[in-house]
């Protein structure tokens, strides 16, 4: 009979060298690695993607969705890469792989929680990319999409660990939503940071995963500020929990320090709501 607190068991699982968590699709990770270099070709990108039939299918479906184009349908990965660009395809691949991870739960309560997290992740990804483009940081738009998508990766990681514990430990029949939320709130930033480093993802993303709830004293890390601001917007809209309609985005440190006006923040909320409808329809 086990007597350890849940949090302690979770920490042991997270520290386990043998823990193998399918959080990122390996092709998506390799794609990020290729694109982080200066010299890559479209053929390299295509060759990597088509090795995985399921990912290929999912990328084509997403690339043809209303959210990504609205143009004539593409039927091959080469066409999709040419149309959207290699870096955009990397975002789509990461989106596709993340969607699989969030949909992989079998425990009803954890599955329900994962779907809430997924909506928050996709809302932050879409919103951060839009805010980069509209606020004078177009060159950061792709990184913004990935950063928004991954900023709460530690929450997904903890859900995976909890499901493993519940499925293997007969003494623990389940975990309440309240306890799950409490564990995630306490552990997701540091756990996510460790996971990102373990996967050797770029430091810019690791920092955002670790610091997106830390107190900020300056806006020097632009991408971090934008992700945090969009995170606030998603919370206000109820993407990630109960809506917080009284949350004043214009009064946040991020908005004030970056000079982002109320009208742009209102447009951001509308864009996220519209985009979520299209993404949901394409799912």
C-alpha atoms as a PDB file:
ATOM      1  CA  UNK A   1       0.000   0.000   0.000  1.00  0.00           C
ATOM      2  CA  UNK A   2       1.429   3.384  -0.954  1.00  0.00           C
ATOM      3  CA  UNK A   3       1.427   6.229   1.554  1.00  0.00           C
ATOM      4  CA  UNK A   4       3.389   8.879  -0.317  1.00  0.00           C
ATOM      5  CA  UNK A   5       1.698  12.186  -1.127  1.00  0.00           C
ATOM      6  CA  UNK A   6       0.709  12.594  -4.768  1.00  0.00           C
ATOM      7  CA  UNK A   7       3.088  15.497  -5.286  1.00  0.00           C
ATOM      8  CA  UNK A   8       6.031  13.411  -4.084  1.00  0.00           C
ATOM      9  CA  UNK A   9       5.123  10.552  -6.404  1.00  0.00           C
ATOM     10  CA  UNK A  10       4.826  12.993  -9.300  1.00  0.00           C
ATOM     11  CA  UNK A  11       8.274  14.419  -8.532  1.00  0.00           C
ATOM     12  CA  UNK A  12       9.784  10.932  -8.480  1.00  0.00           C
ATOM     13  CA  UNK A  13       8.227  10.183 -11.854  1.00  0.00           C
ATOM     14  CA  UNK A  14       9.460  13.463 -13.337  1.00  0.00           C
ATOM     15  CA  UNK A  15      12.975  12.808 -12.062  1.00  0.00           C
ATOM     16  CA  UNK A  16      13.011   9.263 -13.397  1.00  0.00           C
ATOM     17  CA  UNK A  17      15.624   8.802 -16.108  1.00  0.00           C
ATOM     18  CA  UNK A  18      13.552   5.989 -17.568  1.00  0.00           C
ATOM     19  CA  UNK A  19      10.409   8.067 -17.943  1.00  0.00           C
ATOM     20  CA  UNK A  20       9.478   8.215 -21.606  1.00  0.00           C
ATOM     21  CA  UNK A  21       6.794  10.753 -22.342  1.00  0.00           C
ATOM     22  CA  UNK A  22       5.399  11.133 -25.872  1.00  0.00           C
ATOM     23  CA  UNK A  23       4.955  14.861 -25.526  1.00  0.00           C
ATOM     24  CA  UNK A  24       6.609  15.942 -28.754  1.00  0.00           C
ATOM     25  CA  UNK A  25       6.469  14.126 -32.052  1.00  0.00           C
ATOM     26  CA  UNK A  26      10.086  13.244 -32.937  1.00  0.00           C
ATOM     27  CA  UNK A  27       9.628  14.475 -36.516  1.00  0.00           C
ATOM     28  CA  UNK A  28       8.422  17.855 -35.279  1.00  0.00           C
ATOM     29  CA  UNK A  29      11.442  18.125 -32.982  1.00  0.00           C
ATOM     30  CA  UNK A  30      13.864  17.188 -35.794  1.00  0.00           C
ATOM     31  CA  UNK A  31      12.147  19.720 -38.016  1.00  0.00           C
ATOM     32  CA  UNK A  32      12.744  22.453 -35.476  1.00  0.00           C
ATOM     33  CA  UNK A  33      16.389  21.417 -35.391  1.00  0.00           C
ATOM     34  CA  UNK A  34      16.782  21.607 -39.179  1.00  0.00           C
ATOM     35  CA  UNK A  35      15.066  24.974 -39.387  1.00  0.00           C
ATOM     36  CA  UNK A  36      17.110  26.448 -36.566  1.00  0.00           C
ATOM     37  CA  UNK A  37      20.137  26.289 -38.880  1.00  0.00           C
ATOM     38  CA  UNK A  38      20.784  28.713 -41.712  1.00  0.00           C
ATOM     39  CA  UNK A  39      21.216  26.125 -44.450  1.00  0.00           C
ATOM     40  CA  UNK A  40      18.308  23.836 -45.157  1.00  0.00           C
ATOM     41  CA  UNK A  41      16.355  22.853 -48.251  1.00  0.00           C
ATOM     42  CA  UNK A  42      12.689  22.193 -48.885  1.00  0.00           C
ATOM     43  CA  UNK A  43      13.638  18.654 -49.918  1.00  0.00           C
ATOM     44  CA  UNK A  44      15.092  18.063 -46.449  1.00  0.00           C
ATOM     45  CA  UNK A  45      11.896  19.279 -44.805  1.00  0.00           C
ATOM     46  CA  UNK A  46       9.657  17.179 -47.068  1.00  0.00           C
ATOM     47  CA  UNK A  47      11.803  14.047 -46.687  1.00  0.00           C
ATOM     48  CA  UNK A  48      11.540  14.301 -42.926  1.00  0.00           C
ATOM     49  CA  UNK A  49       7.775  14.780 -42.803  1.00  0.00           C
ATOM     50  CA  UNK A  50       6.781  12.039 -45.243  1.00  0.00           C
ATOM     51  CA  UNK A  51       8.534   9.433 -43.106  1.00  0.00           C
ATOM     52  CA  UNK A  52       5.495   9.585 -40.844  1.00  0.00           C
ATOM     53  CA  UNK A  53       2.237   8.785 -42.609  1.00  0.00           C
ATOM     54  CA  UNK A  54      -0.053   9.926 -39.807  1.00  0.00           C
ATOM     55  CA  UNK A  55       1.768  13.239 -39.412  1.00  0.00           C
ATOM     56  CA  UNK A  56       1.745  13.760 -43.179  1.00  0.00           C
ATOM     57  CA  UNK A  57      -2.012  13.288 -43.270  1.00  0.00           C
ATOM     58  CA  UNK A  58      -2.559  15.590 -40.332  1.00  0.00           C
ATOM     59  CA  UNK A  59      -0.355  18.327 -41.800  1.00  0.00           C
ATOM     60  CA  UNK A  60      -2.234  18.223 -45.094  1.00  0.00           C
ATOM     61  CA  UNK A  61      -5.558  18.464 -43.273  1.00  0.00           C
ATOM     62  CA  UNK A  62      -4.426  21.417 -41.198  1.00  0.00           C
ATOM     63  CA  UNK A  63      -2.711  23.126 -44.125  1.00  0.00           C
ATOM     64  CA  UNK A  64      -5.993  22.945 -46.061  1.00  0.00           C
ATOM     65  CA  UNK A  65      -8.111  24.253 -43.212  1.00  0.00           C
ATOM     66  CA  UNK A  66      -9.748  27.648 -43.364  1.00  0.00           C
ATOM     67  CA  UNK A  67      -7.446  28.878 -40.634  1.00  0.00           C
ATOM     68  CA  UNK A  68      -4.268  28.407 -42.640  1.00  0.00           C
ATOM     69  CA  UNK A  69      -5.216  29.456 -46.135  1.00  0.00           C
ATOM     70  CA  UNK A  70      -8.646  29.499 -47.706  1.00  0.00           C
ATOM     71  CA  UNK A  71      -6.847  28.956 -51.040  1.00  0.00           C
ATOM     72  CA  UNK A  72      -7.020  25.960 -53.381  1.00  0.00           C
ATOM     73  CA  UNK A  73      -6.356  22.639 -51.696  1.00  0.00           C
ATOM     74  CA  UNK A  74      -2.848  21.245 -51.594  1.00  0.00           C
ATOM     75  CA  UNK A  75      -2.414  17.490 -52.041  1.00  0.00           C
ATOM     76  CA  UNK A  76       1.263  16.903 -51.280  1.00  0.00           C
ATOM     77  CA  UNK A  77       3.643  17.928 -48.528  1.00  0.00           C
ATOM     78  CA  UNK A  78       5.848  19.566 -51.152  1.00  0.00           C
ATOM     79  CA  UNK A  79       2.930  21.759 -52.241  1.00  0.00           C
ATOM     80  CA  UNK A  80       2.141  22.567 -48.607  1.00  0.00           C
ATOM     81  CA  UNK A  81       5.752  23.553 -47.891  1.00  0.00           C
ATOM     82  CA  UNK A  82       5.953  25.698 -51.008  1.00  0.00           C
ATOM     83  CA  UNK A  83       2.675  27.447 -50.241  1.00  0.00           C
ATOM     84  CA  UNK A  84       3.107  28.002 -46.536  1.00  0.00           C
ATOM     85  CA  UNK A  85       6.882  28.102 -46.250  1.00  0.00           C
ATOM     86  CA  UNK A  86       9.143  25.684 -44.406  1.00  0.00           C
ATOM     87  CA  UNK A  87       8.934  27.546 -41.122  1.00  0.00           C
ATOM     88  CA  UNK A  88       5.132  27.676 -41.265  1.00  0.00           C
ATOM     89  CA  UNK A  89       5.086  23.953 -41.933  1.00  0.00           C
ATOM     90  CA  UNK A  90       7.229  23.499 -38.830  1.00  0.00           C
ATOM     91  CA  UNK A  91       4.517  25.284 -36.855  1.00  0.00           C
ATOM     92  CA  UNK A  92       1.850  23.087 -38.414  1.00  0.00           C
ATOM     93  CA  UNK A  93       3.874  19.965 -37.622  1.00  0.00           C
ATOM     94  CA  UNK A  94       4.301  21.031 -34.028  1.00  0.00           C
ATOM     95  CA  UNK A  95       0.592  21.863 -33.846  1.00  0.00           C
ATOM     96  CA  UNK A  96      -0.331  18.459 -35.264  1.00  0.00           C
ATOM     97  CA  UNK A  97       1.970  16.590 -32.911  1.00  0.00           C
ATOM     98  CA  UNK A  98       0.737  18.535 -29.917  1.00  0.00           C
ATOM     99  CA  UNK A  99      -2.877  17.869 -30.836  1.00  0.00           C
ATOM    100  CA  UNK A 100      -2.154  14.139 -30.773  1.00  0.00           C
ATOM    101  CA  UNK A 101      -0.551  14.422 -27.350  1.00  0.00           C
ATOM    102  CA  UNK A 102      -3.508  16.281 -25.880  1.00  0.00           C
ATOM    103  CA  UNK A 103      -5.929  13.748 -27.399  1.00  0.00           C
ATOM    104  CA  UNK A 104      -4.061  10.688 -26.129  1.00  0.00           C
ATOM    105  CA  UNK A 105      -5.552  10.433 -22.639  1.00  0.00           C
ATOM    106  CA  UNK A 106      -7.819   7.541 -21.669  1.00  0.00           C
ATOM    107  CA  UNK A 107      -8.675   8.516 -18.095  1.00  0.00           C
ATOM    108  CA  UNK A 108     -11.943  10.515 -18.389  1.00  0.00           C
ATOM    109  CA  UNK A 109     -11.118  13.242 -15.875  1.00  0.00           C
ATOM    110  CA  UNK A 110      -7.585  13.745 -17.191  1.00  0.00           C
ATOM    111  CA  UNK A 111      -8.819  13.676 -20.787  1.00  0.00           C
ATOM    112  CA  UNK A 112     -11.317  16.409 -19.983  1.00  0.00           C
ATOM    113  CA  UNK A 113      -8.569  18.462 -18.360  1.00  0.00           C
ATOM    114  CA  UNK A 114      -6.266  17.930 -21.346  1.00  0.00           C
ATOM    115  CA  UNK A 115      -8.886  19.337 -23.728  1.00  0.00           C
ATOM    116  CA  UNK A 116      -9.114  22.509 -21.653  1.00  0.00           C
ATOM    117  CA  UNK A 117      -5.320  22.794 -21.781  1.00  0.00           C
ATOM    118  CA  UNK A 118      -5.343  22.216 -25.545  1.00  0.00           C
ATOM    119  CA  UNK A 119      -7.730  25.094 -26.162  1.00  0.00           C
ATOM    120  CA  UNK A 120      -5.539  27.333 -24.031  1.00  0.00           C
ATOM    121  CA  UNK A 121      -2.401  26.253 -25.906  1.00  0.00           C
ATOM    122  CA  UNK A 122      -3.830  26.817 -29.369  1.00  0.00           C
ATOM    123  CA  UNK A 123      -5.365  30.132 -28.302  1.00  0.00           C
ATOM    124  CA  UNK A 124      -2.000  31.336 -27.014  1.00  0.00           C
ATOM    125  CA  UNK A 125      -0.222  30.149 -30.164  1.00  0.00           C
ATOM    126  CA  UNK A 126      -2.616  31.904 -32.522  1.00  0.00           C
ATOM    127  CA  UNK A 127      -2.822  35.021 -30.387  1.00  0.00           C
ATOM    128  CA  UNK A 128       0.932  35.414 -29.920  1.00  0.00           C
ATOM    129  CA  UNK A 129       1.591  35.089 -33.638  1.00  0.00           C
ATOM    130  CA  UNK A 130      -1.089  37.691 -34.393  1.00  0.00           C
ATOM    131  CA  UNK A 131       0.222  40.086 -31.748  1.00  0.00           C
ATOM    132  CA  UNK A 132       3.781  39.761 -33.089  1.00  0.00           C
ATOM    133  CA  UNK A 133       2.562  40.685 -36.563  1.00  0.00           C
ATOM    134  CA  UNK A 134       0.389  43.594 -35.425  1.00  0.00           C
ATOM    135  CA  UNK A 135       2.745  45.066 -32.863  1.00  0.00           C
ATOM    136  CA  UNK A 136       5.876  45.522 -34.981  1.00  0.00           C
ATOM    137  CA  UNK A 137       7.527  42.145 -34.381  1.00  0.00           C
ATOM    138  CA  UNK A 138       6.636  40.312 -37.571  1.00  0.00           C
ATOM    139  CA  UNK A 139      10.072  38.648 -37.563  1.00  0.00           C
ATOM    140  CA  UNK A 140       9.101  36.902 -34.325  1.00  0.00           C
ATOM    141  CA  UNK A 141       5.734  35.623 -35.548  1.00  0.00           C
ATOM    142  CA  UNK A 142       6.793  32.006 -36.130  1.00  0.00           C
ATOM    143  CA  UNK A 143       8.679  31.806 -32.849  1.00  0.00           C
ATOM    144  CA  UNK A 144       5.663  33.409 -31.205  1.00  0.00           C
ATOM    145  CA  UNK A 145       3.380  30.672 -32.482  1.00  0.00           C
ATOM    146  CA  UNK A 146       5.634  27.905 -31.144  1.00  0.00           C
ATOM    147  CA  UNK A 147       6.244  29.728 -27.864  1.00  0.00           C
ATOM    148  CA  UNK A 148       2.521  30.195 -27.297  1.00  0.00           C
ATOM    149  CA  UNK A 149       1.836  26.575 -28.163  1.00  0.00           C
ATOM    150  CA  UNK A 150       4.491  25.227 -25.808  1.00  0.00           C
ATOM    151  CA  UNK A 151       4.483  27.680 -22.905  1.00  0.00           C
ATOM    152  CA  UNK A 152       2.333  25.365 -20.736  1.00  0.00           C
ATOM    153  CA  UNK A 153       3.958  22.118 -21.873  1.00  0.00           C
ATOM    154  CA  UNK A 154       4.706  21.330 -18.237  1.00  0.00           C
ATOM    155  CA  UNK A 155       0.968  21.039 -17.586  1.00  0.00           C
ATOM    156  CA  UNK A 156       0.638  18.384 -20.278  1.00  0.00           C
ATOM    157  CA  UNK A 157       3.663  16.593 -18.895  1.00  0.00           C
ATOM    158  CA  UNK A 158       2.147  16.451 -15.418  1.00  0.00           C
ATOM    159  CA  UNK A 159      -1.142  15.139 -16.790  1.00  0.00           C
ATOM    160  CA  UNK A 160       0.808  12.333 -18.507  1.00  0.00           C
ATOM    161  CA  UNK A 161       2.561  11.490 -15.261  1.00  0.00           C
ATOM    162  CA  UNK A 162      -0.718  11.510 -13.328  1.00  0.00           C
ATOM    163  CA  UNK A 163      -2.327   9.169 -15.832  1.00  0.00           C
ATOM    164  CA  UNK A 164       0.603   6.783 -15.542  1.00  0.00           C
ATOM    165  CA  UNK A 165       0.321   6.797 -11.754  1.00  0.00           C
ATOM    166  CA  UNK A 166      -3.448   6.265 -11.762  1.00  0.00           C
ATOM    167  CA  UNK A 167      -3.186   3.425 -14.305  1.00  0.00           C
ATOM    168  CA  UNK A 168      -0.436   1.530 -12.477  1.00  0.00           C
ATOM    169  CA  UNK A 169      -1.130   2.224  -8.809  1.00  0.00           C
ATOM    170  CA  UNK A 170      -4.142   0.266  -7.615  1.00  0.00           C
ATOM    171  CA  UNK A 171      -4.318   2.337  -4.469  1.00  0.00           C
ATOM    172  CA  UNK A 172      -5.028   5.483  -6.444  1.00  0.00           C
ATOM    173  CA  UNK A 173      -8.336   5.142  -8.260  1.00  0.00           C
ATOM    174  CA  UNK A 174      -8.369   8.636  -9.640  1.00  0.00           C
ATOM    175  CA  UNK A 175      -7.402  12.237  -9.156  1.00  0.00           C
ATOM    176  CA  UNK A 176      -9.820  15.104  -8.728  1.00  0.00           C
ATOM    177  CA  UNK A 177      -9.834  18.132 -11.009  1.00  0.00           C
ATOM    178  CA  UNK A 178      -9.029  20.325  -8.005  1.00  0.00           C
ATOM    179  CA  UNK A 179      -5.985  18.252  -7.026  1.00  0.00           C
ATOM    180  CA  UNK A 180      -4.818  18.098 -10.648  1.00  0.00           C
ATOM    181  CA  UNK A 181      -5.075  21.865 -10.964  1.00  0.00           C
ATOM    182  CA  UNK A 182      -3.189  22.325  -7.697  1.00  0.00           C
ATOM    183  CA  UNK A 183      -0.329  20.044  -8.755  1.00  0.00           C
ATOM    184  CA  UNK A 184      -0.090  21.707 -12.164  1.00  0.00           C
ATOM    185  CA  UNK A 185      -0.049  25.199 -10.659  1.00  0.00           C
ATOM    186  CA  UNK A 186       2.761  24.239  -8.295  1.00  0.00           C
ATOM    187  CA  UNK A 187       4.966  22.269 -10.671  1.00  0.00           C
ATOM    188  CA  UNK A 188       4.300  22.970 -14.346  1.00  0.00           C
ATOM    189  CA  UNK A 189       6.819  25.750 -15.034  1.00  0.00           C
ATOM    190  CA  UNK A 190       9.918  24.031 -13.634  1.00  0.00           C
ATOM    191  CA  UNK A 191       8.847  20.600 -14.892  1.00  0.00           C
ATOM    192  CA  UNK A 192       8.195  22.008 -18.348  1.00  0.00           C
ATOM    193  CA  UNK A 193      11.547  23.779 -18.371  1.00  0.00           C
ATOM    194  CA  UNK A 194      13.377  20.563 -17.509  1.00  0.00           C
ATOM    195  CA  UNK A 195      11.515  18.711 -20.256  1.00  0.00           C
ATOM    196  CA  UNK A 196      12.344  21.353 -22.857  1.00  0.00           C
ATOM    197  CA  UNK A 197      16.011  21.196 -21.944  1.00  0.00           C
ATOM    198  CA  UNK A 198      15.946  17.414 -22.052  1.00  0.00           C
ATOM    199  CA  UNK A 199      14.638  17.678 -25.622  1.00  0.00           C
ATOM    200  CA  UNK A 200      17.320  20.262 -26.482  1.00  0.00           C
ATOM    201  CA  UNK A 201      14.780  22.768 -27.747  1.00  0.00           C
ATOM    202  CA  UNK A 202      15.998  26.354 -28.288  1.00  0.00           C
ATOM    203  CA  UNK A 203      16.656  28.365 -25.122  1.00  0.00           C
ATOM    204  CA  UNK A 204      14.164  31.041 -26.166  1.00  0.00           C
ATOM    205  CA  UNK A 205      11.320  28.542 -25.688  1.00  0.00           C
ATOM    206  CA  UNK A 206      12.809  27.026 -22.521  1.00  0.00           C
ATOM    207  CA  UNK A 207      12.948  30.462 -20.893  1.00  0.00           C
ATOM    208  CA  UNK A 208       9.318  31.220 -21.714  1.00  0.00           C
ATOM    209  CA  UNK A 209       8.170  27.852 -20.337  1.00  0.00           C
ATOM    210  CA  UNK A 210      10.054  28.562 -17.091  1.00  0.00           C
ATOM    211  CA  UNK A 211       9.267  32.260 -16.662  1.00  0.00           C
ATOM    212  CA  UNK A 212       5.764  32.814 -18.005  1.00  0.00           C
ATOM    213  CA  UNK A 213       4.371  33.183 -14.473  1.00  0.00           C
ATOM    214  CA  UNK A 214       7.423  34.830 -12.888  1.00  0.00           C
ATOM    215  CA  UNK A 215       7.350  38.474 -11.855  1.00  0.00           C
ATOM    216  CA  UNK A 216       8.580  40.720 -14.638  1.00  0.00           C
ATOM    217  CA  UNK A 217      10.445  43.954 -14.021  1.00  0.00           C
ATOM    218  CA  UNK A 218      11.180  44.905 -17.626  1.00  0.00           C
ATOM    219  CA  UNK A 219       9.994  44.083 -21.126  1.00  0.00           C
ATOM    220  CA  UNK A 220      13.430  43.179 -22.487  1.00  0.00           C
ATOM    221  CA  UNK A 221      12.309  39.683 -23.461  1.00  0.00           C
ATOM    222  CA  UNK A 222       9.731  40.720 -26.056  1.00  0.00           C
ATOM    223  CA  UNK A 223       8.491  37.242 -26.859  1.00  0.00           C
ATOM    224  CA  UNK A 224       8.054  36.397 -23.190  1.00  0.00           C
ATOM    225  CA  UNK A 225       6.013  39.577 -22.686  1.00  0.00           C
ATOM    226  CA  UNK A 226       3.799  38.870 -25.680  1.00  0.00           C
ATOM    227  CA  UNK A 227       3.151  35.273 -24.623  1.00  0.00           C
ATOM    228  CA  UNK A 228       2.247  36.423 -21.119  1.00  0.00           C
ATOM    229  CA  UNK A 229      -0.112  39.082 -22.460  1.00  0.00           C
ATOM    230  CA  UNK A 230      -1.876  36.565 -24.713  1.00  0.00           C
ATOM    231  CA  UNK A 231      -1.980  34.124 -21.810  1.00  0.00           C
ATOM    232  CA  UNK A 232      -3.921  36.798 -19.889  1.00  0.00           C
ATOM    233  CA  UNK A 233      -6.254  37.292 -22.878  1.00  0.00           C
ATOM    234  CA  UNK A 234      -6.979  33.558 -23.093  1.00  0.00           C
ATOM    235  CA  UNK A 235      -7.751  33.434 -19.396  1.00  0.00           C
ATOM    236  CA  UNK A 236     -10.113  36.381 -19.785  1.00  0.00           C
ATOM    237  CA  UNK A 237     -11.914  34.498 -22.571  1.00  0.00           C
ATOM    238  CA  UNK A 238     -12.108  31.271 -20.588  1.00  0.00           C
ATOM    239  CA  UNK A 239      -9.554  29.333 -22.620  1.00  0.00           C
ATOM    240  CA  UNK A 240      -7.949  27.344 -19.848  1.00  0.00           C
ATOM    241  CA  UNK A 241     -10.541  27.645 -17.130  1.00  0.00           C
ATOM    242  CA  UNK A 242     -13.476  29.764 -16.072  1.00  0.00           C
ATOM    243  CA  UNK A 243     -13.658  33.120 -17.929  1.00  0.00           C
ATOM    244  CA  UNK A 244     -12.198  36.121 -16.125  1.00  0.00           C
ATOM    245  CA  UNK A 245     -14.195  38.973 -17.732  1.00  0.00           C
ATOM    246  CA  UNK A 246     -12.948  41.546 -15.240  1.00  0.00           C
ATOM    247  CA  UNK A 247      -9.311  40.998 -16.183  1.00  0.00           C
ATOM    248  CA  UNK A 248      -8.145  44.351 -17.593  1.00  0.00           C
ATOM    249  CA  UNK A 249      -5.557  43.573 -20.256  1.00  0.00           C
ATOM    250  CA  UNK A 250      -4.648  47.225 -20.770  1.00  0.00           C
ATOM    251  CA  UNK A 251      -3.707  47.475 -17.091  1.00  0.00           C
ATOM    252  CA  UNK A 252      -1.239  44.580 -17.168  1.00  0.00           C
ATOM    253  CA  UNK A 253       2.469  45.209 -16.877  1.00  0.00           C
ATOM    254  CA  UNK A 254       3.023  43.650 -20.293  1.00  0.00           C
ATOM    255  CA  UNK A 255       0.561  45.901 -22.125  1.00  0.00           C
ATOM    256  CA  UNK A 256       1.683  49.064 -20.372  1.00  0.00           C
ATOM    257  CA  UNK A 257       5.417  48.443 -20.703  1.00  0.00           C
ATOM    258  CA  UNK A 258       5.081  47.621 -24.406  1.00  0.00           C
ATOM    259  CA  UNK A 259       2.634  50.438 -25.157  1.00  0.00           C
ATOM    260  CA  UNK A 260      -0.072  48.140 -26.482  1.00  0.00           C
ATOM    261  CA  UNK A 261      -3.344  50.053 -26.634  1.00  0.00           C
ATOM    262  CA  UNK A 262      -6.805  48.983 -25.566  1.00  0.00           C
ATOM    263  CA  UNK A 263      -8.174  48.836 -29.103  1.00  0.00           C
ATOM    264  CA  UNK A 264      -5.495  46.368 -30.198  1.00  0.00           C
ATOM    265  CA  UNK A 265      -6.191  44.229 -27.152  1.00  0.00           C
ATOM    266  CA  UNK A 266      -9.903  44.213 -28.016  1.00  0.00           C
ATOM    267  CA  UNK A 267      -9.008  43.131 -31.549  1.00  0.00           C
ATOM    268  CA  UNK A 268      -6.789  40.417 -30.095  1.00  0.00           C
ATOM    269  CA  UNK A 269      -9.696  38.973 -28.123  1.00  0.00           C
ATOM    270  CA  UNK A 270     -11.961  38.982 -31.182  1.00  0.00           C
ATOM    271  CA  UNK A 271      -9.283  37.375 -33.349  1.00  0.00           C
ATOM    272  CA  UNK A 272      -8.667  34.587 -30.822  1.00  0.00           C
ATOM    273  CA  UNK A 273     -12.383  33.837 -30.552  1.00  0.00           C
ATOM    274  CA  UNK A 274     -12.800  33.741 -34.356  1.00  0.00           C
ATOM    275  CA  UNK A 275      -9.677  31.624 -34.856  1.00  0.00           C
ATOM    276  CA  UNK A 276     -10.749  29.145 -32.203  1.00  0.00           C
ATOM    277  CA  UNK A 277     -14.002  28.565 -34.079  1.00  0.00           C
ATOM    278  CA  UNK A 278     -12.071  27.764 -37.275  1.00  0.00           C
ATOM    279  CA  UNK A 279      -9.574  25.515 -35.515  1.00  0.00           C
ATOM    280  CA  UNK A 280     -12.368  23.650 -33.754  1.00  0.00           C
ATOM    281  CA  UNK A 281     -14.142  23.169 -37.077  1.00  0.00           C
ATOM    282  CA  UNK A 282     -10.926  21.766 -38.620  1.00  0.00           C
ATOM    283  CA  UNK A 283     -10.279  19.363 -35.739  1.00  0.00           C
END
